[in-house]
Protein backbone atom coordinates (compact mmCIF):
# COMPACT_ATOMS: atom_id res chain seq x y z
CA MET A 1 1.67 93.97 7.91
CA THR A 2 4.72 92.51 9.58
CA ASP A 3 6.15 90.54 6.64
CA THR A 4 5.43 93.10 3.92
CA ARG A 5 8.13 95.02 2.04
CA THR A 6 11.08 93.72 4.00
CA SER A 7 14.18 91.70 3.14
CA ASN A 8 14.31 89.70 6.39
CA VAL A 9 12.65 86.33 6.88
CA ASP A 10 10.17 87.23 9.63
CA ILE A 11 6.75 86.08 8.54
CA ASP A 12 3.37 86.14 10.21
CA GLU A 13 2.33 82.83 11.74
CA ASN A 14 -0.92 82.66 9.77
CA VAL A 15 0.89 83.28 6.49
CA LEU A 16 3.45 80.58 7.30
CA ALA A 17 0.63 78.15 8.11
CA LYS A 18 -0.69 78.47 4.55
CA LEU A 19 2.66 77.43 3.05
CA PRO A 20 3.54 73.75 2.51
CA GLU A 21 4.60 71.80 5.59
CA GLY A 22 8.33 71.87 6.23
CA VAL A 23 8.94 74.95 4.10
CA LYS A 24 11.85 77.28 4.91
CA VAL A 25 11.31 80.95 4.10
CA LEU A 26 14.52 82.34 2.58
CA SER A 27 13.54 85.93 1.79
CA ILE A 28 10.66 88.34 1.41
CA SER A 29 11.00 91.25 -0.98
CA PRO A 30 8.84 93.79 -2.85
CA SER A 31 7.30 92.56 -6.09
CA GLY A 32 5.56 94.67 -8.68
CA ALA A 33 3.49 97.76 -7.95
CA SER A 34 -0.13 98.41 -7.13
CA ALA A 35 -2.05 101.53 -6.19
CA TRP A 36 -4.53 99.55 -4.09
CA VAL A 37 -2.68 96.71 -2.29
CA GLN A 38 0.78 95.81 -0.97
CA THR A 39 2.66 93.16 -2.97
CA VAL A 40 5.68 90.96 -2.18
CA ARG A 41 7.43 87.77 -3.33
CA ILE A 42 8.31 85.03 -0.87
CA ASP A 43 11.28 82.86 -1.80
CA THR A 44 11.25 79.48 -0.05
CA GLN A 45 12.90 76.09 0.10
CA LEU A 46 10.47 73.18 0.27
CA ALA A 47 10.94 70.14 2.48
CA ASP A 48 12.44 68.17 -0.42
CA GLY A 49 15.07 70.85 -1.01
CA THR A 50 13.56 72.38 -4.14
CA SER A 51 13.08 76.11 -4.51
CA LYS A 52 9.61 77.65 -4.71
CA THR A 53 8.52 81.26 -4.94
CA TYR A 54 5.12 82.64 -3.98
CA PHE A 55 3.40 85.97 -4.59
CA LYS A 56 1.48 87.66 -1.80
CA LYS A 57 -0.63 90.78 -1.69
CA GLY A 58 -2.43 92.33 1.24
CA ALA A 59 -4.92 94.98 2.31
CA ILE A 60 -6.36 96.27 5.55
CA GLY A 61 -9.82 96.63 7.06
CA ASP A 62 -13.13 94.99 6.30
CA ARG A 63 -12.90 96.03 2.66
CA GLY A 64 -9.41 94.56 2.45
CA ARG A 65 -10.69 91.27 3.84
CA GLU A 66 -13.42 91.11 1.21
CA MET A 67 -10.92 92.04 -1.51
CA MET A 68 -8.60 89.17 -0.56
CA ARG A 69 -11.47 86.71 -0.26
CA GLY A 70 -12.89 87.79 -3.62
CA THR A 71 -9.47 87.57 -5.25
CA PHE A 72 -8.97 84.01 -4.02
CA GLN A 73 -12.39 82.85 -5.20
CA SER A 74 -11.97 84.59 -8.57
CA GLU A 75 -8.50 83.24 -9.20
CA GLN A 76 -9.56 79.74 -8.18
CA THR A 77 -12.31 79.85 -10.76
CA LEU A 78 -10.01 81.26 -13.43
CA TYR A 79 -7.36 78.64 -12.67
CA ALA A 80 -9.91 75.83 -13.05
CA PHE A 81 -10.48 76.82 -16.69
CA ALA A 82 -6.98 78.06 -17.63
CA PRO A 83 -4.43 76.30 -15.38
CA SER A 84 -1.54 76.83 -17.78
CA ASN A 85 -2.07 80.59 -17.93
CA VAL A 86 -3.00 81.52 -14.37
CA PRO A 87 -0.85 81.53 -11.21
CA LYS A 88 -2.16 78.74 -9.00
CA PRO A 89 -3.99 80.21 -5.97
CA LEU A 90 -2.66 79.02 -2.63
CA ALA A 91 -4.69 80.68 0.12
CA TRP A 92 -6.13 83.80 1.62
CA GLY A 93 -6.44 84.76 5.28
CA THR A 94 -5.91 87.22 8.11
CA TYR A 95 -2.65 88.03 9.88
CA LYS A 96 -2.38 86.74 13.43
CA GLN A 97 -0.27 89.65 14.65
CA GLU A 98 -2.42 92.24 12.86
CA PRO A 99 -6.05 91.03 12.81
CA ASP A 100 -7.12 94.01 10.68
CA SER A 101 -4.72 93.02 7.87
CA HIS A 102 -5.46 90.35 5.28
CA PHE A 103 -3.58 88.54 2.50
CA TYR A 104 -3.83 86.46 -0.66
CA MET A 105 -1.10 84.10 -1.93
CA CYS A 106 -0.46 82.27 -5.18
CA ASP A 107 2.42 80.83 -7.21
CA PHE A 108 4.92 83.45 -8.38
CA TYR A 109 5.62 83.87 -12.09
CA ASP A 110 8.53 85.83 -13.49
CA MET A 111 6.95 87.93 -16.26
CA THR A 112 8.19 90.48 -18.73
CA ASP A 113 6.63 93.91 -19.30
CA ASP A 114 5.98 93.17 -22.98
CA LEU A 115 2.54 92.77 -24.45
CA PRO A 116 1.53 89.12 -24.86
CA ASP A 117 1.33 87.52 -28.28
CA ILE A 118 -2.14 88.52 -29.46
CA ALA A 119 -2.97 85.15 -31.03
CA ARG A 120 -1.97 83.20 -27.92
CA PHE A 121 -3.78 85.64 -25.66
CA CYS A 122 -7.04 85.57 -27.60
CA THR A 123 -6.92 81.78 -27.81
CA VAL A 124 -6.66 81.52 -24.02
CA VAL A 125 -9.51 83.95 -23.41
CA ALA A 126 -11.80 82.42 -26.04
CA LYS A 127 -11.21 78.92 -24.68
CA MET A 128 -12.02 80.10 -21.17
CA HIS A 129 -15.28 81.66 -22.36
CA LEU A 130 -16.30 78.61 -24.37
CA ASP A 131 -15.32 76.03 -21.77
CA SER A 132 -17.23 77.83 -19.01
CA MET A 133 -20.33 78.59 -21.06
CA GLY A 134 -23.47 77.04 -19.62
CA LYS A 135 -21.72 76.05 -16.37
CA SER A 136 -23.24 78.64 -14.07
CA PRO A 137 -24.17 76.66 -10.92
CA ASN A 138 -27.75 77.92 -11.06
CA GLY A 139 -28.05 79.05 -14.67
CA GLN A 140 -27.96 82.70 -13.58
CA TYR A 141 -25.64 85.67 -14.03
CA GLY A 142 -23.53 86.72 -11.06
CA PHE A 143 -20.93 85.30 -8.68
CA HIS A 144 -21.09 83.74 -5.23
CA VAL A 145 -18.86 86.29 -3.47
CA THR A 146 -18.26 90.02 -3.67
CA THR A 147 -15.41 90.97 -5.99
CA HIS A 148 -13.72 94.32 -6.51
CA LEU A 149 -12.46 96.51 -9.33
CA ALA A 150 -9.55 98.24 -7.60
CA TYR A 151 -11.21 98.92 -4.22
CA VAL A 152 -14.76 99.32 -5.59
CA ASP A 153 -16.99 96.39 -4.74
CA ASN A 154 -19.16 94.83 -7.44
CA ASP A 155 -22.77 93.88 -6.92
CA ASN A 156 -22.59 90.24 -8.00
CA SER A 157 -26.08 89.25 -6.86
CA TRP A 158 -27.51 86.43 -8.94
CA SER A 159 -29.74 87.62 -11.79
CA ASP A 160 -32.04 85.83 -14.20
CA SER A 161 -31.03 87.97 -17.19
CA TRP A 162 -28.01 89.84 -18.49
CA GLU A 163 -30.13 92.99 -18.67
CA GLU A 164 -30.94 92.73 -14.96
CA TRP A 165 -27.34 92.06 -13.93
CA TYR A 166 -25.86 94.82 -16.04
CA GLY A 167 -28.44 97.40 -14.94
CA ARG A 168 -27.73 96.74 -11.29
CA ALA A 169 -23.95 96.80 -11.84
CA LEU A 170 -24.17 100.12 -13.67
CA LYS A 171 -26.26 101.66 -10.88
CA ARG A 172 -23.65 100.54 -8.37
CA MET A 173 -20.88 102.24 -10.34
CA LEU A 174 -22.90 105.42 -10.81
CA ARG A 175 -23.34 105.72 -7.04
CA GLU A 176 -19.60 105.29 -6.48
CA GLU A 177 -18.75 107.80 -9.21
CA GLU A 178 -21.07 110.42 -7.74
CA LYS A 179 -19.26 110.12 -4.40
CA SER A 180 -16.06 111.27 -6.14
CA HIS A 181 -17.41 113.97 -8.47
CA GLY A 182 -20.75 115.01 -7.06
CA PRO A 183 -24.16 115.06 -8.80
CA ASP A 184 -24.60 116.28 -12.36
CA ASP A 185 -28.00 117.19 -13.85
CA GLU A 186 -27.19 116.12 -17.39
CA LEU A 187 -25.67 112.84 -16.25
CA LYS A 188 -28.86 112.10 -14.33
CA VAL A 189 -30.98 112.71 -17.43
CA LEU A 190 -28.68 110.54 -19.54
CA THR A 191 -28.62 107.68 -17.06
CA ASN A 192 -32.40 107.70 -16.77
CA ALA A 193 -32.60 107.40 -20.55
CA MET A 194 -30.02 104.60 -20.49
CA PHE A 195 -32.10 102.57 -18.05
CA GLU A 196 -35.45 103.34 -19.66
CA LYS A 197 -34.47 103.16 -23.34
CA VAL A 198 -30.97 102.06 -24.27
CA ILE A 199 -30.32 99.08 -21.99
CA PRO A 200 -33.68 97.42 -22.75
CA ARG A 201 -33.18 98.10 -26.46
CA LEU A 202 -29.69 96.58 -26.64
CA LEU A 203 -29.88 93.76 -24.10
CA ARG A 204 -33.47 92.56 -23.89
CA PRO A 205 -33.56 91.23 -27.48
CA LEU A 206 -30.73 88.84 -26.59
CA GLU A 207 -33.06 86.86 -24.33
CA THR A 208 -36.53 87.32 -25.82
CA GLY A 209 -38.34 86.07 -28.89
CA GLY A 210 -36.91 82.60 -28.51
CA ARG A 211 -33.31 83.84 -28.42
CA GLN A 212 -30.94 82.72 -25.70
CA ILE A 213 -27.49 83.53 -24.43
CA LYS A 214 -25.62 81.56 -21.78
CA PRO A 215 -23.60 82.95 -18.89
CA CYS A 216 -19.87 82.35 -19.14
CA LEU A 217 -16.93 83.28 -16.96
CA ILE A 218 -15.06 86.45 -17.78
CA HIS A 219 -12.00 88.02 -16.20
CA SER A 220 -13.72 91.43 -16.08
CA ASP A 221 -10.51 93.47 -15.89
CA LEU A 222 -8.44 92.43 -18.90
CA TRP A 223 -5.94 95.16 -19.78
CA PRO A 224 -2.16 95.07 -20.43
CA GLY A 225 -1.40 95.51 -16.73
CA ASN A 226 -3.12 92.20 -15.90
CA VAL A 227 -1.77 90.09 -18.78
CA LYS A 228 1.97 89.57 -19.15
CA PRO A 229 4.17 87.05 -21.01
CA ASP A 230 5.89 84.37 -18.95
CA ALA A 231 9.62 85.18 -18.99
CA GLU A 232 10.55 81.57 -19.85
CA THR A 233 7.75 80.29 -22.09
CA ASP A 234 6.27 83.54 -23.46
CA GLU A 235 2.82 82.16 -22.65
CA PRO A 236 0.34 84.86 -21.56
CA ILE A 237 -0.16 84.86 -17.80
CA ILE A 238 -3.48 86.29 -16.66
CA PHE A 239 -4.04 87.55 -13.13
CA ASP A 240 -6.04 89.98 -10.95
CA SER A 241 -9.41 88.67 -12.06
CA TYR A 242 -12.73 89.92 -10.71
CA PHE A 243 -14.93 87.16 -12.03
CA THR A 244 -18.61 87.09 -12.56
CA LEU A 245 -20.84 84.86 -14.61
CA ILE A 246 -21.97 87.34 -17.23
CA PHE A 247 -22.28 87.65 -20.97
CA ASP A 248 -19.64 90.01 -22.32
CA SER A 249 -16.33 91.42 -21.22
CA GLY A 250 -15.77 94.68 -19.42
CA SER A 251 -12.77 95.43 -21.58
CA ARG A 252 -13.13 96.19 -25.27
CA LEU A 253 -13.14 92.47 -26.02
CA MET A 254 -16.26 90.45 -26.63
CA ALA A 255 -16.74 86.72 -26.73
CA GLY A 256 -19.80 86.74 -28.95
CA SER A 257 -23.39 87.78 -29.45
CA ALA A 258 -26.70 86.17 -30.20
CA LEU A 259 -27.21 88.86 -32.85
CA PRO A 260 -24.74 89.14 -35.72
CA ALA A 261 -24.65 92.74 -36.96
CA TRP A 262 -21.45 94.53 -35.99
CA ALA A 263 -23.18 97.88 -35.39
CA ALA A 264 -25.31 96.45 -32.60
CA ILE A 265 -22.38 94.53 -31.15
CA HIS A 266 -20.31 97.72 -31.10
CA ASP A 267 -23.10 99.55 -29.30
CA ARG A 268 -23.30 96.82 -26.67
CA ILE A 269 -19.54 97.05 -26.13
CA SER A 270 -19.82 100.83 -25.87
CA GLN A 271 -22.63 100.49 -23.34
CA THR A 272 -20.63 98.01 -21.28
CA TYR A 273 -17.51 100.15 -21.34
CA GLN A 274 -19.36 103.09 -19.81
CA ARG A 275 -19.21 101.21 -16.52
CA TYR A 276 -15.43 101.22 -16.71
CA ASP A 277 -15.24 104.90 -17.59
CA LEU A 278 -17.35 105.51 -14.48
CA LEU A 279 -15.05 103.26 -12.45
CA HIS A 280 -12.01 105.28 -13.50
CA SER A 281 -13.91 108.47 -12.75
CA ALA A 282 -14.66 107.14 -9.26
CA LEU A 283 -11.02 106.20 -8.68
CA PHE A 284 -9.61 109.56 -9.83
CA PRO A 285 -11.75 112.36 -8.38
CA LYS A 286 -9.50 115.13 -9.76
CA GLU A 287 -9.70 113.86 -13.34
CA PRO A 288 -12.83 114.91 -15.29
CA LYS A 289 -12.07 113.12 -18.58
CA PHE A 290 -13.55 109.76 -17.57
CA ARG A 291 -16.95 111.18 -16.68
CA LYS A 292 -16.87 113.12 -19.94
CA ALA A 293 -16.09 109.92 -21.89
CA ALA A 294 -18.98 108.07 -20.25
CA MET A 295 -21.40 110.92 -20.92
CA ASP A 296 -20.30 111.23 -24.55
CA GLU A 297 -21.06 107.55 -25.14
CA MET A 298 -24.37 107.85 -23.32
CA ARG A 299 -25.43 110.79 -25.50
CA HIS A 300 -24.58 108.83 -28.63
CA LEU A 301 -26.64 105.81 -27.60
CA VAL A 302 -29.55 107.83 -26.23
CA ASP A 303 -29.76 109.72 -29.52
CA LYS A 304 -29.49 106.52 -31.52
CA TYR A 305 -32.19 104.58 -29.66
CA PRO A 306 -34.88 107.11 -28.67
CA GLU A 307 -37.70 104.56 -28.94
CA GLY A 308 -36.06 102.07 -26.57
CA TYR A 309 -37.19 98.46 -26.75
CA ALA A 310 -40.28 99.52 -28.67
CA GLY A 311 -37.97 100.36 -31.56
CA PHE A 312 -36.61 96.83 -31.78
CA GLY A 313 -37.63 95.31 -35.09
CA THR A 314 -38.14 98.68 -36.76
CA GLN A 315 -34.58 100.02 -36.73
CA LEU A 316 -31.73 98.86 -38.94
CA GLY A 317 -33.77 96.66 -41.24
CA GLY A 318 -36.63 95.66 -38.97
CA ASP A 319 -35.39 92.12 -38.37
CA VAL A 320 -33.48 90.55 -35.49
CA GLU A 321 -30.98 89.13 -37.94
CA ASP A 322 -30.31 92.65 -39.23
CA ASP A 323 -29.92 94.18 -35.78
């Protein structure tokens, strides 16, 4: 990528075309660090003489193109619901000089490496969940473009239920994880039990028996590396989203539940987090601890819910309100 990781002012024609008319590029320099993409800051002077800095990241190949497209669509959606806490997306595209290289650009924020204020952070996330609830364009779970966790593509196909969406997403991650670590007989037995017993038991009651949940937007990759305080205002700045219209968060945060008991909520969080243990296992083929963590959680849930959905209403008090 011709304008990446350099201190001169050469910039690809297609990148320049996405910047405001009359802009003067002053410098391009490395910004931050990523294991999956190349990142730079672009310092500019606008036509009116004011200074403006942009952030740009890039990746190569067909997968890189889909990553940049998904990032732009995700960040646009996030910005629409949290404009004070998200860098404003500018554009995505393909380099003219290197047609196999692609980029995404947004406003640049100077951030510290501290953890954000927990109260401010949770307020932003909760407001985003609540404001987006019920605003799925078709009432379904999913997203209109492919998004990625690191370089792993998500299956965001539209689904009528959270159970359907989550089951398909977990299968996608299991396939990717097996590519890195190979097949495992016990893992196969556990995953079969998860799909046949645990997932129906934990998720189906949310949308049956007259109960309803509504899709809402989630970031899907909230961890300290993707949330930093603004250096001037200390407001939490959220970035690197991989949005989908689903029910609960892929991190160990949860916006809510149709069922109140904390034990069941914890089990649903545990079930959801298995997908992220499998993601990490896929990303780090020489590290066995992530597969072990996923399998440990699977064993716990499989042992706890041997009757599957048939056990709903008989376990933990026999009532949906006690679940």
